[in-house]
C-alpha atoms as a PDB file:
ATOM      1  CA  UNK A   1       0.000   0.000   0.000  1.00  0.00           C
ATOM      2  CA  UNK A   2       1.325   3.465  -0.919  1.00  0.00           C
ATOM      3  CA  UNK A   3       1.801   6.095   1.770  1.00  0.00           C
ATOM      4  CA  UNK A   4      -0.878   8.810   1.780  1.00  0.00           C
ATOM      5  CA  UNK A   5       1.658  11.349   0.511  1.00  0.00           C
ATOM      6  CA  UNK A   6       2.230   9.338  -2.653  1.00  0.00           C
ATOM      7  CA  UNK A   7      -1.049   7.447  -3.164  1.00  0.00           C
ATOM      8  CA  UNK A   8      -2.754   8.695  -6.368  1.00  0.00           C
ATOM      9  CA  UNK A   9      -6.083   7.251  -5.185  1.00  0.00           C
ATOM     10  CA  UNK A  10      -6.301   9.369  -2.030  1.00  0.00           C
ATOM     11  CA  UNK A  11      -8.312  12.584  -1.664  1.00  0.00           C
ATOM     12  CA  UNK A  12      -6.260  15.691  -2.511  1.00  0.00           C
ATOM     13  CA  UNK A  13      -6.987  17.269   0.885  1.00  0.00           C
ATOM     14  CA  UNK A  14      -5.749  14.116   2.620  1.00  0.00           C
ATOM     15  CA  UNK A  15      -2.583  14.174   0.512  1.00  0.00           C
ATOM     16  CA  UNK A  16      -1.973  17.818   1.440  1.00  0.00           C
ATOM     17  CA  UNK A  17      -2.603  17.224   5.140  1.00  0.00           C
ATOM     18  CA  UNK A  18      -0.214  14.264   5.097  1.00  0.00           C
ATOM     19  CA  UNK A  19       2.576  16.665   4.131  1.00  0.00           C
ATOM     20  CA  UNK A  20       1.883  19.082   7.006  1.00  0.00           C
ATOM     21  CA  UNK A  21       0.708  16.677   9.677  1.00  0.00           C
ATOM     22  CA  UNK A  22       2.527  16.806  12.958  1.00  0.00           C
ATOM     23  CA  UNK A  23       2.735  19.313  15.745  1.00  0.00           C
ATOM     24  CA  UNK A  24       5.308  21.711  14.294  1.00  0.00           C
ATOM     25  CA  UNK A  25       5.185  21.721  10.493  1.00  0.00           C
ATOM     26  CA  UNK A  26       2.480  24.356  10.071  1.00  0.00           C
ATOM     27  CA  UNK A  27       4.297  26.628  12.531  1.00  0.00           C
ATOM     28  CA  UNK A  28       7.574  26.140  10.654  1.00  0.00           C
ATOM     29  CA  UNK A  29       5.827  26.809   7.340  1.00  0.00           C
ATOM     30  CA  UNK A  30       4.370  30.010   8.780  1.00  0.00           C
ATOM     31  CA  UNK A  31       7.746  31.176  10.133  1.00  0.00           C
ATOM     32  CA  UNK A  32       9.560  30.399   6.879  1.00  0.00           C
ATOM     33  CA  UNK A  33       7.047  32.493   4.930  1.00  0.00           C
ATOM     34  CA  UNK A  34       8.878  35.579   6.219  1.00  0.00           C
ATOM     35  CA  UNK A  35      12.182  34.434   4.694  1.00  0.00           C
ATOM     36  CA  UNK A  36      15.161  32.158   5.334  1.00  0.00           C
ATOM     37  CA  UNK A  37      15.899  31.117   8.904  1.00  0.00           C
ATOM     38  CA  UNK A  38      18.729  29.302  10.597  1.00  0.00           C
ATOM     39  CA  UNK A  39      17.733  26.299  12.723  1.00  0.00           C
ATOM     40  CA  UNK A  40      18.682  28.064  15.975  1.00  0.00           C
ATOM     41  CA  UNK A  41      16.404  30.994  15.047  1.00  0.00           C
ATOM     42  CA  UNK A  42      13.512  28.618  14.471  1.00  0.00           C
ATOM     43  CA  UNK A  43      14.099  26.887  17.805  1.00  0.00           C
ATOM     44  CA  UNK A  44      14.135  30.227  19.644  1.00  0.00           C
ATOM     45  CA  UNK A  45      10.851  31.247  18.043  1.00  0.00           C
ATOM     46  CA  UNK A  46       9.068  27.967  18.842  1.00  0.00           C
ATOM     47  CA  UNK A  47       9.163  27.184  22.568  1.00  0.00           C
ATOM     48  CA  UNK A  48       9.143  23.469  23.308  1.00  0.00           C
ATOM     49  CA  UNK A  49      10.564  22.448  19.936  1.00  0.00           C
ATOM     50  CA  UNK A  50      13.628  20.267  20.452  1.00  0.00           C
ATOM     51  CA  UNK A  51      16.597  20.237  18.098  1.00  0.00           C
ATOM     52  CA  UNK A  52      15.927  16.595  17.213  1.00  0.00           C
ATOM     53  CA  UNK A  53      12.278  17.177  16.336  1.00  0.00           C
ATOM     54  CA  UNK A  54      13.123  20.374  14.426  1.00  0.00           C
ATOM     55  CA  UNK A  55      15.717  18.537  12.356  1.00  0.00           C
ATOM     56  CA  UNK A  56      13.303  15.689  11.638  1.00  0.00           C
ATOM     57  CA  UNK A  57      10.480  18.046  10.615  1.00  0.00           C
ATOM     58  CA  UNK A  58      12.745  20.128   8.366  1.00  0.00           C
ATOM     59  CA  UNK A  59      14.175  17.018   6.697  1.00  0.00           C
ATOM     60  CA  UNK A  60      10.665  15.693   6.026  1.00  0.00           C
ATOM     61  CA  UNK A  61       9.613  19.074   4.648  1.00  0.00           C
ATOM     62  CA  UNK A  62      12.730  19.121   2.468  1.00  0.00           C
ATOM     63  CA  UNK A  63      11.985  15.603   1.193  1.00  0.00           C
ATOM     64  CA  UNK A  64       8.426  16.732   0.362  1.00  0.00           C
ATOM     65  CA  UNK A  65       9.779  19.678  -1.627  1.00  0.00           C
ATOM     66  CA  UNK A  66       8.478  22.360   0.756  1.00  0.00           C
ATOM     67  CA  UNK A  67      11.777  23.739   2.036  1.00  0.00           C
ATOM     68  CA  UNK A  68      15.226  24.260   0.646  1.00  0.00           C
ATOM     69  CA  UNK A  69      18.280  23.659   2.838  1.00  0.00           C
ATOM     70  CA  UNK A  70      21.293  25.797   2.046  1.00  0.00           C
ATOM     71  CA  UNK A  71      24.648  25.114   3.681  1.00  0.00           C
ATOM     72  CA  UNK A  72      27.263  27.871   3.493  1.00  0.00           C
ATOM     73  CA  UNK A  73      30.914  26.889   3.295  1.00  0.00           C
ATOM     74  CA  UNK A  74      32.056  29.018   6.226  1.00  0.00           C
ATOM     75  CA  UNK A  75      33.299  28.283   9.718  1.00  0.00           C
ATOM     76  CA  UNK A  76      31.375  27.803  11.837  1.00  0.00           C
ATOM     77  CA  UNK A  77      29.038  26.031   9.428  1.00  0.00           C
ATOM     78  CA  UNK A  78      25.971  28.068   8.530  1.00  0.00           C
ATOM     79  CA  UNK A  79      22.729  26.422   7.432  1.00  0.00           C
ATOM     80  CA  UNK A  80      19.550  28.212   6.364  1.00  0.00           C
ATOM     81  CA  UNK A  81      16.113  26.906   5.484  1.00  0.00           C
ATOM     82  CA  UNK A  82      13.700  28.682   3.170  1.00  0.00           C
ATOM     83  CA  UNK A  83      10.452  27.856   1.433  1.00  0.00           C
ATOM     84  CA  UNK A  84      10.581  26.544  -2.107  1.00  0.00           C
ATOM     85  CA  UNK A  85       8.067  27.759  -4.675  1.00  0.00           C
ATOM     86  CA  UNK A  86       6.090  24.592  -3.898  1.00  0.00           C
ATOM     87  CA  UNK A  87       6.197  25.449  -0.180  1.00  0.00           C
ATOM     88  CA  UNK A  88       4.991  28.995  -0.905  1.00  0.00           C
ATOM     89  CA  UNK A  89       2.135  27.506  -2.955  1.00  0.00           C
ATOM     90  CA  UNK A  90       1.134  25.405   0.053  1.00  0.00           C
ATOM     91  CA  UNK A  91       1.366  28.386   2.411  1.00  0.00           C
ATOM     92  CA  UNK A  92      -0.852  30.375   0.050  1.00  0.00           C
ATOM     93  CA  UNK A  93      -3.346  27.504  -0.146  1.00  0.00           C
ATOM     94  CA  UNK A  94      -3.446  27.322   3.664  1.00  0.00           C
ATOM     95  CA  UNK A  95      -4.151  31.049   4.055  1.00  0.00           C
ATOM     96  CA  UNK A  96      -7.973  30.680   3.789  1.00  0.00           C
ATOM     97  CA  UNK A  97      -7.821  27.830   6.304  1.00  0.00           C
ATOM     98  CA  UNK A  98      -5.856  30.097   8.650  1.00  0.00           C
ATOM     99  CA  UNK A  99      -8.480  32.823   8.231  1.00  0.00           C
ATOM    100  CA  UNK A 100     -11.204  30.298   9.069  1.00  0.00           C
ATOM    101  CA  UNK A 101      -9.247  29.207  12.146  1.00  0.00           C
ATOM    102  CA  UNK A 102      -8.987  32.799  13.393  1.00  0.00           C
ATOM    103  CA  UNK A 103     -12.739  33.296  12.864  1.00  0.00           C
ATOM    104  CA  UNK A 104     -13.357  30.101  14.846  1.00  0.00           C
ATOM    105  CA  UNK A 105     -11.156  31.312  17.705  1.00  0.00           C
ATOM    106  CA  UNK A 106     -13.002  34.659  17.732  1.00  0.00           C
ATOM    107  CA  UNK A 107     -16.323  32.812  17.808  1.00  0.00           C
ATOM    108  CA  UNK A 108     -15.170  30.610  20.687  1.00  0.00           C
ATOM    109  CA  UNK A 109     -13.991  33.685  22.590  1.00  0.00           C
ATOM    110  CA  UNK A 110     -17.350  35.401  21.974  1.00  0.00           C
ATOM    111  CA  UNK A 111     -19.231  32.260  23.055  1.00  0.00           C
ATOM    112  CA  UNK A 112     -17.068  32.018  26.176  1.00  0.00           C
ATOM    113  CA  UNK A 113     -17.679  35.669  27.049  1.00  0.00           C
ATOM    114  CA  UNK A 114     -21.404  35.196  26.539  1.00  0.00           C
ATOM    115  CA  UNK A 115     -21.422  32.107  28.750  1.00  0.00           C
ATOM    116  CA  UNK A 116     -19.496  33.949  31.474  1.00  0.00           C
ATOM    117  CA  UNK A 117     -21.960  36.884  31.321  1.00  0.00           C
ATOM    118  CA  UNK A 118     -24.935  34.511  31.551  1.00  0.00           C
ATOM    119  CA  UNK A 119     -23.560  32.777  34.663  1.00  0.00           C
ATOM    120  CA  UNK A 120     -22.702  36.138  36.274  1.00  0.00           C
ATOM    121  CA  UNK A 121     -26.314  37.399  35.967  1.00  0.00           C
END
């Protein structure tokens, strides 16, 4: 059986989600939208993200064609990650989903405020 990322008989949404599934990939995609970042920068900006998990996520994203890894021939070694055109396409496709998510959070906050007001009366 083919993995969901490569199975031509799977729903397109499922195939897209398979590429970004995991706790950190959408956050990394979002951060890399602003431009190239070194791994240490990414770790500083994402509390709780370990070096091992960051490396694994970035390697998977590189294998899926979402990020480009550039190693500079300097000492100490300098590595930067940036989005590929394919990664930027995915980020653009996720933008409406992000907007929906923010609307949902606003709605939950409004519902929570309404519930708190009702119990206070």
